[in-house]
Protein backbone atom coordinates (compact mmCIF):
# COMPACT_ATOMS: atom_id res chain seq x y z
CA MET A 1 120.01 144.22 109.95
CA SER A 2 119.91 145.87 113.68
CA ILE A 3 120.85 144.45 116.60
CA SER A 4 117.69 143.89 117.45
CA SER A 5 116.05 142.33 114.03
CA ARG A 6 119.11 140.07 114.65
CA ILE A 7 117.51 138.95 117.59
CA ILE A 8 114.73 138.85 116.77
CA HIS A 9 115.59 136.74 113.91
CA ALA A 10 117.82 134.06 116.29
CA GLY A 11 114.96 133.79 118.04
CA ILE A 12 112.12 132.86 115.36
CA ARG A 13 115.09 130.64 114.62
CA LEU A 14 115.37 129.11 117.83
CA ILE A 15 111.92 128.61 117.99
CA PHE A 16 111.46 127.08 114.85
CA VAL A 17 114.37 124.00 115.99
CA ILE A 18 112.52 123.64 119.19
CA TYR A 19 109.46 123.25 117.29
CA LEU A 20 111.47 120.31 114.99
CA PHE A 21 112.70 118.98 118.36
CA MET A 22 108.45 118.26 119.63
CA LEU A 23 107.98 117.72 115.90
CA VAL A 24 109.99 114.77 116.61
CA LYS A 25 109.32 113.95 119.63
CA ILE A 26 105.61 114.02 119.07
CA ILE A 27 105.43 112.21 115.81
CA LEU A 28 108.23 109.13 116.51
CA PHE A 29 108.31 108.98 120.00
CA LYS A 30 104.44 109.71 120.74
CA MET A 31 105.75 112.00 123.50
CA GLN A 32 107.43 109.00 125.42
CA ASN A 33 111.44 109.04 126.85
CA VAL A 34 112.93 105.98 124.31
CA GLU A 35 116.59 105.10 125.02
CA PRO A 36 119.76 106.42 122.51
CA GLY A 37 120.79 102.38 122.63
CA PHE A 38 117.13 101.13 121.67
CA LEU A 39 116.95 103.34 119.10
CA TRP A 40 120.56 102.25 117.76
CA ASN A 41 119.66 98.23 118.19
CA GLN A 42 116.65 98.72 116.47
CA LEU A 43 118.46 100.93 113.29
CA TYR A 44 121.76 98.21 113.37
CA SER A 45 118.73 95.52 113.40
CA SER A 46 117.23 97.39 110.25
CA LEU A 47 120.29 97.87 108.70
CA SER A 48 121.20 94.20 109.36
CA HIS A 49 117.94 93.14 107.33
CA PRO A 50 117.24 95.21 104.85
CA GLY A 51 114.46 92.15 103.46
CA LEU A 52 112.96 93.31 107.24
CA VAL A 53 112.38 96.49 106.37
CA TYR A 54 110.72 96.37 102.50
CA GLN A 55 108.20 93.42 103.98
CA ARG A 56 107.51 96.44 106.57
CA LEU A 57 107.43 98.53 103.85
CA LEU A 58 105.26 96.66 102.05
CA ARG A 59 102.72 95.73 105.25
CA GLY A 60 102.29 99.66 105.60
CA ASN A 61 100.38 102.41 103.17
CA LEU A 62 101.67 102.67 100.15
CA VAL A 63 98.03 103.54 98.31
CA PRO A 64 97.74 107.64 97.95
CA PHE A 65 94.35 108.45 99.74
CA ARG A 66 93.67 105.08 101.29
CA GLU A 67 93.85 106.26 104.28
CA ILE A 68 92.45 109.45 104.43
CA THR A 69 89.25 107.32 102.10
CA ARG A 70 89.16 104.89 105.12
CA THR A 71 88.89 107.95 107.62
CA MET A 72 86.57 109.98 105.63
CA GLU A 73 83.87 106.79 105.69
CA LEU A 74 84.63 105.83 109.13
CA MET A 75 84.02 109.20 110.71
CA THR A 76 85.53 107.57 114.19
CA GLY A 77 86.79 110.07 116.83
CA HIS A 78 89.94 108.65 116.05
CA SER A 79 90.87 108.26 113.14
CA LEU A 80 89.59 112.35 112.64
CA PHE A 81 91.90 113.48 115.10
CA ASN A 82 94.88 111.65 113.27
CA LEU A 83 93.83 113.02 110.06
CA ILE A 84 93.43 116.36 111.32
CA GLY A 85 96.14 116.02 112.99
CA ASN A 86 98.41 115.08 110.85
CA VAL A 87 97.06 118.46 109.24
CA ALA A 88 97.80 120.52 112.10
CA ILE A 89 101.05 119.60 112.92
CA PHE A 90 102.58 120.81 109.98
CA VAL A 91 101.22 124.57 109.89
CA PRO A 92 103.57 125.44 112.14
CA PHE A 93 106.34 124.31 109.64
CA GLY A 94 104.59 126.42 107.02
CA LEU A 95 104.84 129.28 109.02
CA PHE A 96 108.55 129.36 110.11
CA THR A 97 109.17 128.50 106.41
CA GLY A 98 108.06 131.00 104.89
CA ILE A 99 108.85 133.27 107.81
CA LEU A 100 112.68 132.05 107.25
CA LEU A 101 112.68 131.24 103.04
CA GLN A 102 111.09 135.00 102.95
CA LYS A 103 114.18 136.19 100.77
CA ASN A 104 113.41 132.82 98.70
CA GLU A 105 112.76 133.15 94.77
CA SER A 106 109.60 130.91 95.51
CA PRO A 107 109.59 130.69 99.06
CA ALA A 108 105.85 128.98 98.56
CA ARG A 109 107.21 126.08 96.64
CA ALA A 110 110.69 125.60 99.15
CA THR A 111 108.14 125.32 102.17
CA LEU A 112 106.31 122.33 99.75
CA LEU A 113 109.77 120.50 99.10
CA TYR A 114 110.74 120.67 102.54
CA ALA A 115 107.64 119.93 104.07
CA PHE A 116 107.64 116.74 101.63
CA LEU A 117 111.66 116.14 102.86
CA MET A 118 110.43 115.94 106.33
CA SER A 119 107.42 114.24 106.21
CA LEU A 120 109.94 112.04 104.44
CA PHE A 121 112.29 112.22 107.03
CA LEU A 122 109.47 111.06 109.82
CA GLU A 123 107.48 108.28 108.10
CA CYS A 124 111.71 106.15 106.93
CA ALA A 125 112.84 106.80 110.66
CA GLN A 126 109.66 104.85 111.68
CA LEU A 127 110.24 102.27 109.32
CA LEU A 128 114.58 102.24 109.81
CA LEU A 129 113.73 102.56 113.52
CA ARG A 130 110.20 99.66 113.54
CA ILE A 131 108.19 101.95 115.36
CA GLY A 132 106.20 103.01 113.54
CA GLN A 133 104.15 102.39 110.37
CA PHE A 134 105.34 103.97 106.56
CA ASP A 135 102.00 105.99 105.35
CA VAL A 136 102.16 107.61 102.17
CA ASP A 137 99.01 108.99 103.22
CA ASP A 138 100.41 110.80 106.20
CA LEU A 139 102.84 112.31 103.75
CA LEU A 140 99.84 114.05 102.26
CA LEU A 141 98.46 115.49 105.16
CA ASN A 142 101.57 116.71 106.41
CA THR A 143 102.71 118.44 103.30
CA PHE A 144 99.68 119.42 102.84
CA GLY A 145 99.91 121.37 105.91
CA GLY A 146 102.87 122.76 105.57
CA LEU A 147 101.07 124.60 102.79
CA ILE A 148 98.23 125.29 104.93
CA GLY A 149 100.84 127.05 107.30
CA TYR A 150 102.74 129.37 104.37
CA PHE A 151 99.74 130.25 103.11
CA ILE A 152 98.57 132.19 106.82
CA PHE A 153 102.31 132.87 106.58
CA SER A 154 101.45 135.13 103.09
CA VAL A 155 97.75 136.10 103.77
CA ILE A 156 99.46 137.88 107.28
CA ALA A 157 102.69 139.72 105.82
CA ARG A 158 100.20 140.80 102.84
CA ALA A 159 98.18 142.55 106.01
CA ILE A 160 101.05 143.91 107.58
CA ASN A 161 103.58 144.48 104.14
CA GLY A 162 102.91 148.07 104.87
CA LEU A 163 104.27 147.95 108.08
CA PRO A 164 107.72 149.50 108.45
CA ASN A 165 110.79 146.92 109.01
CA PHE A 166 109.00 143.87 108.59
CA THR A 167 111.28 142.69 105.88
CA ASP A 168 114.19 143.91 107.68
CA ILE A 169 112.69 141.79 110.95
CA THR A 170 112.70 138.68 109.25
CA SER A 171 115.38 138.49 106.91
CA SER A 172 118.35 136.47 107.31
């Protein structure tokens, strides 16, 4: 791999890390500044009282498609924004995993798995840090967004596949 290809690949990875940072800041902290001491206290409290975590989990949405169905029935601006936002915020995740995992034998399957695991991490963090509700529909919507991003990547990659050095630029 040439030096310019390595620089481009490092730049893509850096942008992906920045995206992940922003993803956590938006989903967990709603773009607010949160004191590390506060988060530590929340986590310590959750780990000290697992029964309370379990109760919070039961108050969350554990029924697939319940909130999605409710959103489709009510069609309020807020609920529709939430639904579309949960998909859209993970589209870049799918784009980046498509670019970074091209050499993987099954990049679509890897994108599905990684998008699901990232979403699960965020939902569990909300639960343990007591800064949001666990919602299984968010897992579904986020994962779907990651797959849409991968689909967009694969369409673009096929369209420009004939260009020289495309795989060299994006491969690891």
